[in-house]
Amino acid sequence: MNYRFIEDLREQVTIPKDGILSRTLHDDAQLKVVLFGFAAGQELSEHTASSPAVLHVLEGQVGLTLGSERREAQAGAWVWMSAQLPHSLVARTDAVVLLLLIKSGKS
């Protein structure tokens, strides 16, 4: 198949009562797409990615640390991150976040 159509990404993940759920929607040589469901209070500790990435908050509110900066983000927020940028996330409310890892790109 040459395409994949998802009418509403938010319906592709269920937010757990206490935890984080991730679902890989696509993975090929150029791009990996992961959808996360975060229960309020859950977090991803600081880490880096070997490739550039995009975060798109689809639902809820999250606190982000991007390098040395702290930002608050809500549904509609979009973030480009270069490879090796230290980052972390904490869900302020139940949240759904889309992650795009650009495997073939240069930062």
PDB file of N, CA and C in Angstrom:
ATOM      1  N   MET A   1       0.854  -1.185   0.000  1.00  0.00           N
ATOM      2  CA  MET A   1       0.000   0.000   0.000  1.00  0.00           C
ATOM      3  C   MET A   1       0.892   1.237   0.000  1.00  0.00           C
ATOM      4  N   ASN A   2       0.511   2.247  -0.742  1.00  0.00           N
ATOM      5  CA  ASN A   2       1.303   3.461  -0.876  1.00  0.00           C
ATOM      6  C   ASN A   2       0.968   4.533   0.147  1.00  0.00           C
ATOM      7  N   TYR A   3      -0.025   4.311   0.991  1.00  0.00           N
ATOM      8  CA  TYR A   3      -0.371   5.303   1.998  1.00  0.00           C
ATOM      9  C   TYR A   3      -1.083   4.626   3.159  1.00  0.00           C
ATOM     10  N   ARG A   4      -1.174   5.374   4.247  1.00  0.00           N
ATOM     11  CA  ARG A   4      -1.972   4.948   5.400  1.00  0.00           C
ATOM     12  C   ARG A   4      -2.759   6.165   5.847  1.00  0.00           C
ATOM     13  N   PHE A   5      -4.062   6.019   5.994  1.00  0.00           N
ATOM     14  CA  PHE A   5      -4.940   7.113   6.389  1.00  0.00           C
ATOM     15  C   PHE A   5      -5.513   6.818   7.761  1.00  0.00           C
ATOM     16  N   ILE A   6      -5.351   7.769   8.689  1.00  0.00           N
ATOM     17  CA  ILE A   6      -5.934   7.674  10.022  1.00  0.00           C
ATOM     18  C   ILE A   6      -6.787   8.918  10.214  1.00  0.00           C
ATOM     19  N   GLU A   7      -8.062   8.727  10.402  1.00  0.00           N
ATOM     20  CA  GLU A   7      -8.979   9.860  10.481  1.00  0.00           C
ATOM     21  C   GLU A   7      -8.749  10.710  11.723  1.00  0.00           C
ATOM     22  N   ASP A   8      -8.505  10.077  12.873  1.00  0.00           N
ATOM     23  CA  ASP A   8      -8.295  10.825  14.119  1.00  0.00           C
ATOM     24  C   ASP A   8      -7.228  10.109  14.941  1.00  0.00           C
ATOM     25  N   LEU A   9      -6.042  10.681  14.991  1.00  0.00           N
ATOM     26  CA  LEU A   9      -4.934  10.067  15.723  1.00  0.00           C
ATOM     27  C   LEU A   9      -5.259   9.826  17.193  1.00  0.00           C
ATOM     28  N   ARG A  10      -6.032  10.708  17.781  1.00  0.00           N
ATOM     29  CA  ARG A  10      -6.341  10.586  19.205  1.00  0.00           C
ATOM     30  C   ARG A  10      -7.089   9.298  19.514  1.00  0.00           C
ATOM     31  N   GLU A  11      -7.767   8.743  18.541  1.00  0.00           N
ATOM     32  CA  GLU A  11      -8.500   7.492  18.755  1.00  0.00           C
ATOM     33  C   GLU A  11      -7.606   6.262  18.623  1.00  0.00           C
ATOM     34  N   GLN A  12      -6.342   6.452  18.289  1.00  0.00           N
ATOM     35  CA  GLN A  12      -5.417   5.336  18.108  1.00  0.00           C
ATOM     36  C   GLN A  12      -4.711   4.917  19.387  1.00  0.00           C
ATOM     37  N   VAL A  13      -4.895   5.676  20.462  1.00  0.00           N
ATOM     38  CA  VAL A  13      -4.242   5.354  21.731  1.00  0.00           C
ATOM     39  C   VAL A  13      -5.209   5.610  22.874  1.00  0.00           C
ATOM     40  N   THR A  14      -5.184   4.718  23.846  1.00  0.00           N
ATOM     41  CA  THR A  14      -5.977   4.884  25.051  1.00  0.00           C
ATOM     42  C   THR A  14      -5.051   5.373  26.159  1.00  0.00           C
ATOM     43  N   ILE A  15      -5.456   6.417  26.852  1.00  0.00           N
ATOM     44  CA  ILE A  15      -4.636   6.926  27.942  1.00  0.00           C
ATOM     45  C   ILE A  15      -4.818   5.996  29.144  1.00  0.00           C
ATOM     46  N   PRO A  16      -3.726   5.424  29.644  1.00  0.00           N
ATOM     47  CA  PRO A  16      -3.857   4.529  30.797  1.00  0.00           C
ATOM     48  C   PRO A  16      -4.208   5.304  32.061  1.00  0.00           C
ATOM     49  N   LYS A  17      -4.750   4.608  33.058  1.00  0.00           N
ATOM     50  CA  LYS A  17      -5.098   5.280  34.317  1.00  0.00           C
ATOM     51  C   LYS A  17      -3.859   5.759  35.050  1.00  0.00           C
ATOM     52  N   ASP A  18      -2.773   4.993  34.966  1.00  0.00           N
ATOM     53  CA  ASP A  18      -1.537   5.366  35.642  1.00  0.00           C
ATOM     54  C   ASP A  18      -0.366   4.783  34.858  1.00  0.00           C
ATOM     55  N   GLY A  19       0.136   5.538  33.918  1.00  0.00           N
ATOM     56  CA  GLY A  19       1.246   5.044  33.129  1.00  0.00           C
ATOM     57  C   GLY A  19       1.343   5.744  31.793  1.00  0.00           C
ATOM     58  N   ILE A  20       2.138   5.139  30.924  1.00  0.00           N
ATOM     59  CA  ILE A  20       2.369   5.661  29.578  1.00  0.00           C
ATOM     60  C   ILE A  20       2.144   4.514  28.603  1.00  0.00           C
ATOM     61  N   LEU A  21       1.404   4.789  27.564  1.00  0.00           N
ATOM     62  CA  LEU A  21       1.189   3.803  26.518  1.00  0.00           C
ATOM     63  C   LEU A  21       1.749   4.366  25.222  1.00  0.00           C
ATOM     64  N   SER A  22       2.542   3.583  24.516  1.00  0.00           N
ATOM     65  CA  SER A  22       3.054   4.031  23.220  1.00  0.00           C
ATOM     66  C   SER A  22       2.638   3.038  22.151  1.00  0.00           C
ATOM     67  N   ARG A  23       2.393   3.568  20.975  1.00  0.00           N
ATOM     68  CA  ARG A  23       1.980   2.735  19.848  1.00  0.00           C
ATOM     69  C   ARG A  23       2.705   3.222  18.597  1.00  0.00           C
ATOM     70  N   THR A  24       3.481   2.353  17.996  1.00  0.00           N
ATOM     71  CA  THR A  24       4.161   2.694  16.748  1.00  0.00           C
ATOM     72  C   THR A  24       3.161   2.594  15.604  1.00  0.00           C
ATOM     73  N   LEU A  25       2.978   3.701  14.898  1.00  0.00           N
ATOM     74  CA  LEU A  25       2.036   3.753  13.785  1.00  0.00           C
ATOM     75  C   LEU A  25       2.705   3.513  12.442  1.00  0.00           C
ATOM     76  N   HIS A  26       4.004   3.818  12.377  1.00  0.00           N
ATOM     77  CA  HIS A  26       4.738   3.676  11.117  1.00  0.00           C
ATOM     78  C   HIS A  26       6.216   3.553  11.444  1.00  0.00           C
ATOM     79  N   ASP A  27       6.914   2.725  10.687  1.00  0.00           N
ATOM     80  CA  ASP A  27       8.364   2.588  10.877  1.00  0.00           C
ATOM     81  C   ASP A  27       8.979   2.090   9.581  1.00  0.00           C
ATOM     82  N   ASP A  28       9.776   2.945   8.953  1.00  0.00           N
ATOM     83  CA  ASP A  28      10.513   2.539   7.764  1.00  0.00           C
ATOM     84  C   ASP A  28      11.904   3.163   7.818  1.00  0.00           C
ATOM     85  N   ALA A  29      12.644   3.121   6.725  1.00  0.00           N
ATOM     86  CA  ALA A  29      14.024   3.604   6.710  1.00  0.00           C
ATOM     87  C   ALA A  29      14.143   5.111   6.931  1.00  0.00           C
ATOM     88  N   GLN A  30      13.082   5.866   6.628  1.00  0.00           N
ATOM     89  CA  GLN A  30      13.148   7.319   6.739  1.00  0.00           C
ATOM     90  C   GLN A  30      12.467   7.887   7.983  1.00  0.00           C
ATOM     91  N   LEU A  31      11.425   7.209   8.460  1.00  0.00           N
ATOM     92  CA  LEU A  31      10.576   7.815   9.483  1.00  0.00           C
ATOM     93  C   LEU A  31       9.993   6.775  10.434  1.00  0.00           C
ATOM     94  N   LYS A  32      10.010   7.116  11.724  1.00  0.00           N
ATOM     95  CA  LYS A  32       9.297   6.323  12.720  1.00  0.00           C
ATOM     96  C   LYS A  32       8.287   7.244  13.381  1.00  0.00           C
ATOM     97  N   VAL A  33       7.028   6.782  13.465  1.00  0.00           N
ATOM     98  CA  VAL A  33       5.942   7.573  14.030  1.00  0.00           C
ATOM     99  C   VAL A  33       5.403   6.818  15.247  1.00  0.00           C
ATOM    100  N   VAL A  34       5.445   7.481  16.407  1.00  0.00           N
ATOM    101  CA  VAL A  34       4.986   6.863  17.647  1.00  0.00           C
ATOM    102  C   VAL A  34       3.957   7.779  18.291  1.00  0.00           C
ATOM    103  N   LEU A  35       2.849   7.192  18.716  1.00  0.00           N
ATOM    104  CA  LEU A  35       1.794   7.925  19.403  1.00  0.00           C
ATOM    105  C   LEU A  35       1.836   7.520  20.871  1.00  0.00           C
ATOM    106  N   PHE A  36       1.877   8.523  21.755  1.00  0.00           N
ATOM    107  CA  PHE A  36       1.943   8.289  23.193  1.00  0.00           C
ATOM    108  C   PHE A  36       0.654   8.731  23.870  1.00  0.00           C
ATOM    109  N   GLY A  37       0.219   7.956  24.850  1.00  0.00           N
ATOM    110  CA  GLY A  37      -0.852   8.348  25.756  1.00  0.00           C
ATOM    111  C   GLY A  37      -0.267   8.418  27.150  1.00  0.00           C
ATOM    112  N   PHE A  38      -0.322   9.596  27.767  1.00  0.00           N
ATOM    113  CA  PHE A  38       0.245   9.805  29.104  1.00  0.00           C
ATOM    114  C   PHE A  38      -0.864  10.041  30.118  1.00  0.00           C
ATOM    115  N   ALA A  39      -0.832   9.336  31.234  1.00  0.00           N
ATOM    116  CA  ALA A  39      -1.690   9.686  32.359  1.00  0.00           C
ATOM    117  C   ALA A  39      -1.085  10.917  33.019  1.00  0.00           C
ATOM    118  N   ALA A  40      -1.926  11.757  33.592  1.00  0.00           N
ATOM    119  CA  ALA A  40      -1.439  12.958  34.286  1.00  0.00           C
ATOM    120  C   ALA A  40      -0.380  12.559  35.308  1.00  0.00           C
ATOM    121  N   GLY A  41       0.720  13.324  35.328  1.00  0.00           N
ATOM    122  CA  GLY A  41       1.802  13.086  36.273  1.00  0.00           C
ATOM    123  C   GLY A  41       2.904  12.177  35.756  1.00  0.00           C
ATOM    124  N   GLN A  42       2.670  11.486  34.670  1.00  0.00           N
ATOM    125  CA  GLN A  42       3.696  10.599  34.118  1.00  0.00           C
ATOM    126  C   GLN A  42       4.752  11.420  33.380  1.00  0.00           C
ATOM    127  N   GLU A  43       5.957  10.868  33.310  1.00  0.00           N
ATOM    128  CA  GLU A  43       7.016  11.617  32.649  1.00  0.00           C
ATOM    129  C   GLU A  43       7.991  10.719  31.918  1.00  0.00           C
ATOM    130  N   LEU A  44       8.632  11.314  30.932  1.00  0.00           N
ATOM    131  CA  LEU A  44       9.776  10.705  30.259  1.00  0.00           C
ATOM    132  C   LEU A  44      10.992  11.473  30.748  1.00  0.00           C
ATOM    133  N   SER A  45      11.916  10.791  31.394  1.00  0.00           N
ATOM    134  CA  SER A  45      13.092  11.463  31.924  1.00  0.00           C
ATOM    135  C   SER A  45      13.994  11.940  30.780  1.00  0.00           C
ATOM    136  N   GLU A  46      14.942  12.799  31.134  1.00  0.00           N
ATOM    137  CA  GLU A  46      15.798  13.399  30.114  1.00  0.00           C
ATOM    138  C   GLU A  46      16.517  12.337  29.299  1.00  0.00           C
ATOM    139  N   HIS A  47      16.505  12.537  27.993  1.00  0.00           N
ATOM    140  CA  HIS A  47      17.174  11.641  27.060  1.00  0.00           C
ATOM    141  C   HIS A  47      17.470  12.410  25.783  1.00  0.00           C
ATOM    142  N   THR A  48      18.163  11.770  24.857  1.00  0.00           N
ATOM    143  CA  THR A  48      18.430  12.360  23.544  1.00  0.00           C
ATOM    144  C   THR A  48      18.026  11.346  22.480  1.00  0.00           C
ATOM    145  N   ALA A  49      17.898  11.833  21.262  1.00  0.00           N
ATOM    146  CA  ALA A  49      17.628  10.968  20.116  1.00  0.00           C
ATOM    147  C   ALA A  49      18.762  11.150  19.121  1.00  0.00           C
ATOM    148  N   SER A  50      19.104  10.093  18.419  1.00  0.00           N
ATOM    149  CA  SER A  50      20.218  10.162  17.467  1.00  0.00           C
ATOM    150  C   SER A  50      19.833  10.839  16.154  1.00  0.00           C
ATOM    151  N   SER A  51      18.537  11.129  15.989  1.00  0.00           N
ATOM    152  CA  SER A  51      18.068  11.786  14.770  1.00  0.00           C
ATOM    153  C   SER A  51      17.150  12.950  15.138  1.00  0.00           C
ATOM    154  N   PRO A  52      16.919  13.864  14.206  1.00  0.00           N
ATOM    155  CA  PRO A  52      15.977  14.944  14.461  1.00  0.00           C
ATOM    156  C   PRO A  52      14.588  14.374  14.736  1.00  0.00           C
ATOM    157  N   ALA A  53      13.790  15.130  15.491  1.00  0.00           N
ATOM    158  CA  ALA A  53      12.456  14.657  15.850  1.00  0.00           C
ATOM    159  C   ALA A  53      11.484  15.827  15.936  1.00  0.00           C
ATOM    160  N   VAL A  54      10.205  15.492  15.793  1.00  0.00           N
ATOM    161  CA  VAL A  54       9.122  16.458  15.941  1.00  0.00           C
ATOM    162  C   VAL A  54       8.158  15.910  16.981  1.00  0.00           C
ATOM    163  N   LEU A  55       7.768  16.764  17.926  1.00  0.00           N
ATOM    164  CA  LEU A  55       6.720  16.449  18.896  1.00  0.00           C
ATOM    165  C   LEU A  55       5.507  17.304  18.572  1.00  0.00           C
ATOM    166  N   HIS A  56       4.337  16.685  18.585  1.00  0.00           N
ATOM    167  CA  HIS A  56       3.105  17.421  18.357  1.00  0.00           C
ATOM    168  C   HIS A  56       2.136  17.009  19.457  1.00  0.00           C
ATOM    169  N   VAL A  57       1.760  17.970  20.304  1.00  0.00           N
ATOM    170  CA  VAL A  57       0.807  17.692  21.384  1.00  0.00           C
ATOM    171  C   VAL A  57      -0.591  17.722  20.770  1.00  0.00           C
ATOM    172  N   LEU A  58      -1.276  16.587  20.836  1.00  0.00           N
ATOM    173  CA  LEU A  58      -2.608  16.476  20.242  1.00  0.00           C
ATOM    174  C   LEU A  58      -3.720  16.724  21.253  1.00  0.00           C
ATOM    175  N   GLU A  59      -3.427  16.436  22.511  1.00  0.00           N
ATOM    176  CA  GLU A  59      -4.457  16.554  23.548  1.00  0.00           C
ATOM    177  C   GLU A  59      -3.764  16.752  24.891  1.00  0.00           C
ATOM    178  N   GLY A  60      -4.331  17.598  25.744  1.00  0.00           N
ATOM    179  CA  GLY A  60      -3.803  17.777  27.092  1.00  0.00           C
ATOM    180  C   GLY A  60      -2.734  18.840  27.196  1.00  0.00           C
ATOM    181  N   GLN A  61      -2.055  18.824  28.353  1.00  0.00           N
ATOM    182  CA  GLN A  61      -1.002  19.796  28.650  1.00  0.00           C
ATOM    183  C   GLN A  61       0.226  19.051  29.158  1.00  0.00           C
ATOM    184  N   VAL A  62       1.403  19.476  28.675  1.00  0.00           N
ATOM    185  CA  VAL A  62       2.659  18.861  29.080  1.00  0.00           C
ATOM    186  C   VAL A  62       3.687  19.931  29.400  1.00  0.00           C
ATOM    187  N   GLY A  63       4.599  19.593  30.290  1.00  0.00           N
ATOM    188  CA  GLY A  63       5.771  20.419  30.540  1.00  0.00           C
ATOM    189  C   GLY A  63       6.930  19.805  29.789  1.00  0.00           C
ATOM    190  N   LEU A  64       7.673  20.627  29.071  1.00  0.00           N
ATOM    191  CA  LEU A  64       8.805  20.147  28.279  1.00  0.00           C
ATOM    192  C   LEU A  64      10.079  20.815  28.753  1.00  0.00           C
ATOM    193  N   THR A  65      11.152  20.061  28.779  1.00  0.00           N
ATOM    194  CA  THR A  65      12.480  20.628  28.921  1.00  0.00           C
ATOM    195  C   THR A  65      13.190  20.338  27.612  1.00  0.00           C
ATOM    196  N   LEU A  66      13.638  21.398  26.958  1.00  0.00           N
ATOM    197  CA  LEU A  66      14.296  21.315  25.653  1.00  0.00           C
ATOM    198  C   LEU A  66      15.671  21.945  25.806  1.00  0.00           C
ATOM    199  N   GLY A  67      16.700  21.114  25.911  1.00  0.00           N
ATOM    200  CA  GLY A  67      18.015  21.635  26.247  1.00  0.00           C
ATOM    201  C   GLY A  67      17.941  22.204  27.655  1.00  0.00           C
ATOM    202  N   SER A  68      18.248  23.476  27.817  1.00  0.00           N
ATOM    203  CA  SER A  68      18.194  24.111  29.139  1.00  0.00           C
ATOM    204  C   SER A  68      16.912  24.922  29.353  1.00  0.00           C
ATOM    205  N   GLU A  69      16.020  24.935  28.372  1.00  0.00           N
ATOM    206  CA  GLU A  69      14.783  25.720  28.482  1.00  0.00           C
ATOM    207  C   GLU A  69      13.599  24.857  28.900  1.00  0.00           C
ATOM    208  N   ARG A  70      12.752  25.429  29.747  1.00  0.00           N
ATOM    209  CA  ARG A  70      11.505  24.774  30.140  1.00  0.00           C
ATOM    210  C   ARG A  70      10.354  25.493  29.457  1.00  0.00           C
ATOM    211  N   ARG A  71       9.440  24.701  28.890  1.00  0.00           N
ATOM    212  CA  ARG A  71       8.287  25.259  28.195  1.00  0.00           C
ATOM    213  C   ARG A  71       7.038  24.507  28.618  1.00  0.00           C
ATOM    214  N   GLU A  72       5.922  25.190  28.621  1.00  0.00           N
ATOM    215  CA  GLU A  72       4.623  24.553  28.834  1.00  0.00           C
ATOM    216  C   GLU A  72       3.948  24.461  27.473  1.00  0.00           C
ATOM    217  N   ALA A  73       3.325  23.334  27.206  1.00  0.00           N
ATOM    218  CA  ALA A  73       2.705  23.126  25.905  1.00  0.00           C
ATOM    219  C   ALA A  73       1.329  22.503  26.091  1.00  0.00           C
ATOM    220  N   GLN A  74       0.440  22.844  25.190  1.00  0.00           N
ATOM    221  CA  GLN A  74      -0.911  22.277  25.228  1.00  0.00           C
ATOM    222  C   GLN A  74      -1.288  21.816  23.828  1.00  0.00           C
ATOM    223  N   ALA A  75      -2.491  21.251  23.710  1.00  0.00           N
ATOM    224  CA  ALA A  75      -2.953  20.731  22.426  1.00  0.00           C
ATOM    225  C   ALA A  75      -2.711  21.763  21.328  1.00  0.00           C
ATOM    226  N   GLY A  76      -2.095  21.319  20.254  1.00  0.00           N
ATOM    227  CA  GLY A  76      -1.763  22.201  19.139  1.00  0.00           C
ATOM    228  C   GLY A  76      -0.297  22.573  19.099  1.00  0.00           C
ATOM    229  N   ALA A  77       0.425  22.411  20.197  1.00  0.00           N
ATOM    230  CA  ALA A  77       1.851  22.771  20.220  1.00  0.00           C
ATOM    231  C   ALA A  77       2.651  21.824  19.334  1.00  0.00           C
ATOM    232  N   TRP A  78       3.679  22.379  18.699  1.00  0.00           N
ATOM    233  CA  TRP A  78       4.522  21.648  17.761  1.00  0.00           C
ATOM    234  C   TRP A  78       5.971  22.017  18.046  1.00  0.00           C
ATOM    235  N   VAL A  79       6.844  21.009  18.142  1.00  0.00           N
ATOM    236  CA  VAL A  79       8.250  21.248  18.494  1.00  0.00           C
ATOM    237  C   VAL A  79       9.165  20.473  17.553  1.00  0.00           C
ATOM    238  N   TRP A  80      10.124  21.162  16.937  1.00  0.00           N
ATOM    239  CA  TRP A  80      11.202  20.525  16.177  1.00  0.00           C
ATOM    240  C   TRP A  80      12.395  20.406  17.110  1.00  0.00           C
ATOM    241  N   MET A  81      13.037  19.235  17.151  1.00  0.00           N
ATOM    242  CA  MET A  81      14.228  19.040  17.983  1.00  0.00           C
ATOM    243  C   MET A  81      15.355  18.491  17.116  1.00  0.00           C
ATOM    244  N   SER A  82      16.511  19.105  17.209  1.00  0.00           N
ATOM    245  CA  SER A  82      17.665  18.598  16.472  1.00  0.00           C
ATOM    246  C   SER A  82      18.165  17.317  17.133  1.00  0.00           C
ATOM    247  N   ALA A  83      18.931  16.542  16.389  1.00  0.00           N
ATOM    248  CA  ALA A  83      19.522  15.323  16.938  1.00  0.00           C
ATOM    249  C   ALA A  83      20.376  15.678  18.160  1.00  0.00           C
ATOM    250  N   GLN A  84      20.370  14.819  19.131  1.00  0.00           N
ATOM    251  CA  GLN A  84      21.171  14.921  20.356  1.00  0.00           C
ATOM    252  C   GLN A  84      20.720  16.008  21.334  1.00  0.00           C
ATOM    253  N   LEU A  85      19.581  16.660  21.088  1.00  0.00           N
ATOM    254  CA  LEU A  85      19.089  17.665  22.030  1.00  0.00           C
ATOM    255  C   LEU A  85      18.547  16.951  23.271  1.00  0.00           C
ATOM    256  N   PRO A  86      19.087  17.247  24.456  1.00  0.00           N
ATOM    257  CA  PRO A  86      18.523  16.657  25.668  1.00  0.00           C
ATOM    258  C   PRO A  86      17.103  17.193  25.876  1.00  0.00           C
ATOM    259  N   HIS A  87      16.176  16.296  26.157  1.00  0.00           N
ATOM    260  CA  HIS A  87      14.787  16.723  26.359  1.00  0.00           C
ATOM    261  C   HIS A  87      14.076  15.762  27.304  1.00  0.00           C
ATOM    262  N   SER A  88      13.015  16.281  27.929  1.00  0.00           N
ATOM    263  CA  SER A  88      12.174  15.469  28.811  1.00  0.00           C
ATOM    264  C   SER A  88      10.757  16.010  28.740  1.00  0.00           C
ATOM    265  N   LEU A  89       9.817  15.224  29.269  1.00  0.00           N
ATOM    266  CA  LEU A  89       8.403  15.585  29.205  1.00  0.00           C
ATOM    267  C   LEU A  89       7.717  15.113  30.474  1.00  0.00           C
ATOM    268  N   VAL A  90       6.811  15.947  31.007  1.00  0.00           N
ATOM    269  CA  VAL A  90       5.943  15.543  32.105  1.00  0.00           C
ATOM    270  C   VAL A  90       4.510  15.930  31.733  1.00  0.00           C
ATOM    271  N   ALA A  91       3.591  14.991  31.908  1.00  0.00           N
ATOM    272  CA  ALA A  91       2.186  15.247  31.578  1.00  0.00           C
ATOM    273  C   ALA A  91       1.527  15.994  32.734  1.00  0.00           C
ATOM    274  N   ARG A  92       1.086  17.212  32.480  1.00  0.00           N
ATOM    275  CA  ARG A  92       0.377  18.004  33.501  1.00  0.00           C
ATOM    276  C   ARG A  92      -1.059  17.501  33.648  1.00  0.00           C
ATOM    277  N   THR A  93      -1.628  17.041  32.521  1.00  0.00           N
ATOM    278  CA  THR A  93      -2.966  16.440  32.476  1.00  0.00           C
ATOM    279  C   THR A  93      -2.825  15.159  31.659  1.00  0.00           C
ATOM    280  N   ASP A  94      -3.883  14.375  31.565  1.00  0.00           N
ATOM    281  CA  ASP A  94      -3.859  13.284  30.592  1.00  0.00           C
ATOM    282  C   ASP A  94      -3.510  13.908  29.247  1.00  0.00           C
ATOM    283  N   ALA A  95      -2.651  13.240  28.480  1.00  0.00           N
ATOM    284  CA  ALA A  95      -2.166  13.855  27.236  1.00  0.00           C
ATOM    285  C   ALA A  95      -1.930  12.805  26.159  1.00  0.00           C
ATOM    286  N   VAL A  96      -2.064  13.251  24.909  1.00  0.00           N
ATOM    287  CA  VAL A  96      -1.728  12.448  23.745  1.00  0.00           C
ATOM    288  C   VAL A  96      -0.695  13.246  22.944  1.00  0.00           C
ATOM    289  N   VAL A  97       0.444  12.592  22.652  1.00  0.00           N
ATOM    290  CA  VAL A  97       1.555  13.264  21.976  1.00  0.00           C
ATOM    291  C   VAL A  97       2.028  12.398  20.817  1.00  0.00           C
ATOM    292  N   LEU A  98       2.223  13.022  19.667  1.00  0.00           N
ATOM    293  CA  LEU A  98       2.733  12.351  18.477  1.00  0.00           C
ATOM    294  C   LEU A  98       4.219  12.647  18.340  1.00  0.00           C
ATOM    295  N   LEU A  99       5.020  11.607  18.137  1.00  0.00           N
ATOM    296  CA  LEU A  99       6.462  11.752  17.949  1.00  0.00           C
ATOM    297  C   LEU A  99       6.830  11.261  16.553  1.00  0.00           C
ATOM    298  N   LEU A 100       7.568  12.091  15.823  1.00  0.00           N
ATOM    299  CA  LEU A 100       8.085  11.739  14.502  1.00  0.00           C
ATOM    300  C   LEU A 100       9.604  11.727  14.589  1.00  0.00           C
ATOM    301  N   LEU A 101      10.222  10.575  14.380  1.00  0.00           N
ATOM    302  CA  LEU A 101      11.683  10.471  14.344  1.00  0.00           C
ATOM    303  C   LEU A 101      12.113  10.407  12.888  1.00  0.00           C
ATOM    304  N   ILE A 102      12.886  11.409  12.453  1.00  0.00           N
ATOM    305  CA  ILE A 102      13.287  11.531  11.066  1.00  0.00           C
ATOM    306  C   ILE A 102      14.646  10.845  10.905  1.00  0.00           C
ATOM    307  N   LYS A 103      14.617   9.614  10.447  1.00  0.00           N
ATOM    308  CA  LYS A 103      15.813   8.779  10.405  1.00  0.00           C
ATOM    309  C   LYS A 103      16.819   9.195   9.341  1.00  0.00           C
ATOM    310  N   SER A 104      16.348   9.684   8.208  1.00  0.00           N
ATOM    311  CA  SER A 104      17.266   9.984   7.106  1.00  0.00           C
ATOM    312  C   SER A 104      17.676  11.447   7.053  1.00  0.00           C
ATOM    313  N   GLY A 105      17.152  12.256   7.974  1.00  0.00           N
ATOM    314  CA  GLY A 105      17.443  13.689   7.937  1.00  0.00           C
ATOM    315  C   GLY A 105      18.734  14.041   8.633  1.00  0.00           C
ATOM    316  N   LYS A 106      19.246  15.190   8.331  1.00  0.00           N
ATOM    317  CA  LYS A 106      20.407  15.760   9.003  1.00  0.00           C
ATOM    318  C   LYS A 106      19.923  16.892   9.881  1.00  0.00           C
ATOM    319  N   SER A 107      20.535  17.070  11.036  1.00  0.00           N
ATOM    320  CA  SER A 107      20.092  18.142  11.945  1.00  0.00           C
ATOM    321  C   SER A 107      20.673  19.481  11.582  1.00  0.00           C
TER     322      SER A 107
END
